[in-house]
Amino acid sequence: MTADGRELTWREMVRPEDAGAVRRIVSSTGFFSPEEIEIAVELVEERLARGDGSGYHFIFAERGSRPVGYACFGPIPATRFSWDLYWIAVDESDRGGGIGRLLLERSERIIARMGGRRIYAETSGRAQYEPTRAFYRACGYAEEAVLAEFYAPGDAKHFFVKEI
């Protein structure tokens, strides 16, 4: 249940229609470029094509049968216990109700169940992303590194990590 008292259901299995749902969710945020949106969709398609062998795992938050948020994560190759949080996004019309935090908590539990001990998340240094950086801090993630000018002039890459 979310902060607004509305029920959610949870799903880890990826379905073909999730490519469109991910496109809709990520696009609705206004944060991502067309190229980034395509990458988010490609990860769904890769999971559908290769299953567990893709290295991408998903969790979807749904109201009824409509996905309103999702997270994508996977083990970092050549590491023992480290996982990447690739995407976490909530449809703009459903933001502010605690869905992002619930998605993150459920992702952490899945990762722990699969043997993960450290989760890495990265995000942009642009001012637009300050709420995202604050979200990670509020969820117990420590900022480990900042790479200046990573994405573009004036746009650093911020790395966060959490031990689970």
Protein backbone atom coordinates (compact mmCIF):
# COMPACT_ATOMS: atom_id res chain seq x y z
CA MET A 1 0.00 0.00 0.00
CA THR A 2 1.26 3.49 -0.80
CA ALA A 3 1.27 6.61 1.35
CA ASP A 4 -2.02 7.65 -0.28
CA GLY A 5 -3.63 4.40 0.92
CA ARG A 6 -4.02 2.91 -2.55
CA GLU A 7 -3.19 -0.76 -3.09
CA LEU A 8 -0.34 -1.95 -5.26
CA THR A 9 0.49 -5.37 -6.61
CA TRP A 10 4.03 -6.51 -7.37
CA ARG A 11 5.41 -8.55 -10.20
CA GLU A 12 8.91 -9.77 -11.08
CA MET A 13 8.08 -11.60 -14.30
CA VAL A 14 8.66 -9.53 -17.44
CA ARG A 15 5.96 -9.58 -20.12
CA PRO A 16 6.12 -8.40 -23.75
CA GLU A 17 3.79 -5.48 -23.00
CA ASP A 18 6.27 -4.19 -20.41
CA ALA A 19 8.39 -2.61 -23.14
CA GLY A 20 5.56 -0.16 -23.80
CA ALA A 21 4.88 0.33 -20.10
CA VAL A 22 8.54 1.14 -19.41
CA ARG A 23 8.59 3.60 -22.33
CA ARG A 24 5.47 5.30 -20.92
CA ILE A 25 6.77 5.44 -17.34
CA VAL A 26 10.26 6.69 -18.19
CA SER A 27 8.93 9.21 -20.73
CA SER A 28 6.39 10.60 -18.26
CA THR A 29 9.11 11.73 -15.84
CA GLY A 30 10.55 14.36 -18.19
CA PHE A 31 14.04 13.46 -16.96
CA PHE A 32 15.34 11.26 -19.76
CA SER A 33 16.50 11.86 -23.32
CA PRO A 34 15.07 9.86 -26.22
CA GLU A 35 18.30 7.80 -26.26
CA GLU A 36 17.98 6.99 -22.55
CA ILE A 37 14.35 5.99 -23.01
CA GLU A 38 15.37 3.58 -25.76
CA ILE A 39 18.00 2.05 -23.47
CA ALA A 40 15.37 1.45 -20.78
CA VAL A 41 13.16 -0.33 -23.33
CA GLU A 42 16.12 -2.33 -24.68
CA LEU A 43 16.76 -3.80 -21.22
CA VAL A 44 13.19 -5.13 -21.13
CA GLU A 45 13.63 -6.60 -24.61
CA GLU A 46 16.96 -8.16 -23.62
CA ARG A 47 15.34 -9.78 -20.58
CA LEU A 48 12.51 -11.14 -22.73
CA ALA A 49 14.96 -12.54 -25.27
CA ARG A 50 17.53 -14.05 -22.90
CA GLY A 51 15.74 -14.54 -19.57
CA ASP A 52 18.02 -14.81 -16.54
CA GLY A 53 21.01 -14.96 -18.90
CA SER A 54 20.47 -11.29 -19.68
CA GLY A 55 21.60 -10.34 -16.17
CA TYR A 56 18.65 -7.92 -15.91
CA HIS A 57 16.04 -8.37 -13.20
CA PHE A 58 12.85 -6.35 -12.84
CA ILE A 59 10.15 -5.56 -10.37
CA PHE A 60 6.95 -3.78 -11.37
CA ALA A 61 4.51 -1.92 -9.15
CA GLU A 62 0.98 -2.12 -10.54
CA ARG A 63 -2.41 -0.63 -9.87
CA GLY A 64 -4.83 -3.13 -11.27
CA SER A 65 -3.03 -4.41 -14.34
CA ARG A 66 -1.33 -1.07 -15.10
CA PRO A 67 2.38 -0.73 -14.24
CA VAL A 68 2.95 2.58 -12.43
CA GLY A 69 6.61 2.10 -11.59
CA TYR A 70 9.48 -0.30 -12.00
CA ALA A 71 13.07 -1.03 -11.13
CA CYS A 72 15.71 -2.85 -13.14
CA PHE A 73 18.86 -4.22 -11.52
CA GLY A 74 21.51 -6.86 -12.03
CA PRO A 75 24.77 -8.33 -10.82
CA ILE A 76 27.91 -6.49 -11.90
CA PRO A 77 30.00 -8.85 -14.02
CA ALA A 78 33.33 -10.00 -12.52
CA THR A 79 32.27 -9.05 -8.97
CA ARG A 80 31.17 -11.36 -6.19
CA PHE A 81 28.45 -9.47 -4.36
CA SER A 82 27.98 -6.13 -6.18
CA TRP A 83 24.82 -5.20 -8.06
CA ASP A 84 23.82 -2.23 -10.21
CA LEU A 85 20.49 -0.48 -9.88
CA TYR A 86 20.06 0.39 -13.55
CA TRP A 87 16.64 2.05 -13.47
CA ILE A 88 14.03 3.04 -10.97
CA ALA A 89 11.14 5.15 -12.21
CA VAL A 90 7.58 5.96 -11.24
CA ASP A 91 4.97 7.35 -13.59
CA GLU A 92 4.74 11.10 -13.09
CA SER A 93 1.03 10.86 -12.24
CA ASP A 94 1.85 8.48 -9.36
CA ARG A 95 4.93 10.16 -7.90
CA GLY A 96 5.01 11.36 -4.32
CA GLY A 97 3.09 8.42 -2.87
CA GLY A 98 6.06 6.35 -1.74
CA ILE A 99 6.14 3.96 -4.71
CA GLY A 100 9.81 4.71 -5.44
CA ARG A 101 10.82 3.84 -1.89
CA LEU A 102 8.76 0.64 -1.98
CA LEU A 103 10.32 -0.33 -5.31
CA LEU A 104 13.79 0.26 -3.92
CA GLU A 105 13.11 -1.70 -0.72
CA ARG A 106 11.71 -4.65 -2.68
CA SER A 107 14.65 -4.51 -5.11
CA GLU A 108 17.06 -4.61 -2.18
CA ARG A 109 15.31 -7.68 -0.75
CA ILE A 110 15.44 -9.47 -4.12
CA ILE A 111 19.13 -8.62 -4.53
CA ALA A 112 19.89 -9.87 -1.01
CA ARG A 113 17.96 -13.07 -1.70
CA MET A 114 20.13 -13.58 -4.80
CA GLY A 115 23.36 -13.10 -2.83
CA GLY A 116 24.01 -9.41 -3.40
CA ARG A 117 25.62 -7.38 -0.64
CA ARG A 118 26.33 -4.00 -2.22
CA ILE A 119 24.06 -2.00 -4.51
CA TYR A 120 25.38 0.77 -6.71
CA ALA A 121 23.22 3.51 -8.18
CA GLU A 122 24.35 6.37 -10.37
CA THR A 123 22.67 9.56 -11.44
CA SER A 124 23.28 12.91 -13.05
CA GLY A 125 24.70 15.94 -11.30
CA ARG A 126 22.27 18.35 -12.99
CA ALA A 127 20.10 20.41 -10.66
CA GLN A 128 17.01 18.60 -11.97
CA TYR A 129 18.38 15.43 -10.32
CA GLU A 130 18.84 16.84 -6.82
CA PRO A 131 15.58 15.18 -5.67
CA THR A 132 16.94 11.88 -7.04
CA ARG A 133 20.19 12.28 -5.12
CA ALA A 134 18.23 13.22 -1.99
CA PHE A 135 16.07 10.12 -2.47
CA TYR A 136 19.11 7.83 -2.48
CA ARG A 137 20.52 9.52 0.62
CA ALA A 138 17.17 9.21 2.42
CA CYS A 139 17.10 5.50 1.56
CA GLY A 140 20.49 4.89 3.18
CA TYR A 141 22.77 5.18 0.16
CA ALA A 142 26.14 6.89 0.60
CA GLU A 143 27.61 9.04 -2.13
CA GLU A 144 30.89 7.29 -2.98
CA ALA A 145 32.20 9.27 -5.95
CA VAL A 146 31.53 12.08 -8.37
CA LEU A 147 32.98 12.14 -11.89
CA ALA A 148 32.99 15.73 -13.13
CA GLU A 149 31.88 16.49 -16.67
CA PHE A 150 30.93 12.84 -17.23
CA TYR A 151 27.70 13.13 -19.19
CA ALA A 152 28.33 16.57 -20.66
CA PRO A 153 29.96 19.86 -19.70
CA GLY A 154 28.56 20.77 -16.29
CA ASP A 155 26.93 17.35 -15.81
CA ALA A 156 28.75 15.07 -13.37
CA LYS A 157 28.02 11.43 -12.65
CA HIS A 158 27.22 10.70 -8.97
CA PHE A 159 27.76 7.18 -7.62
CA PHE A 160 25.84 5.96 -4.58
CA VAL A 161 26.27 2.67 -2.72
CA LYS A 162 24.43 0.79 -0.01
CA GLU A 163 25.49 -2.28 1.95
CA ILE A 164 22.63 -4.71 2.43
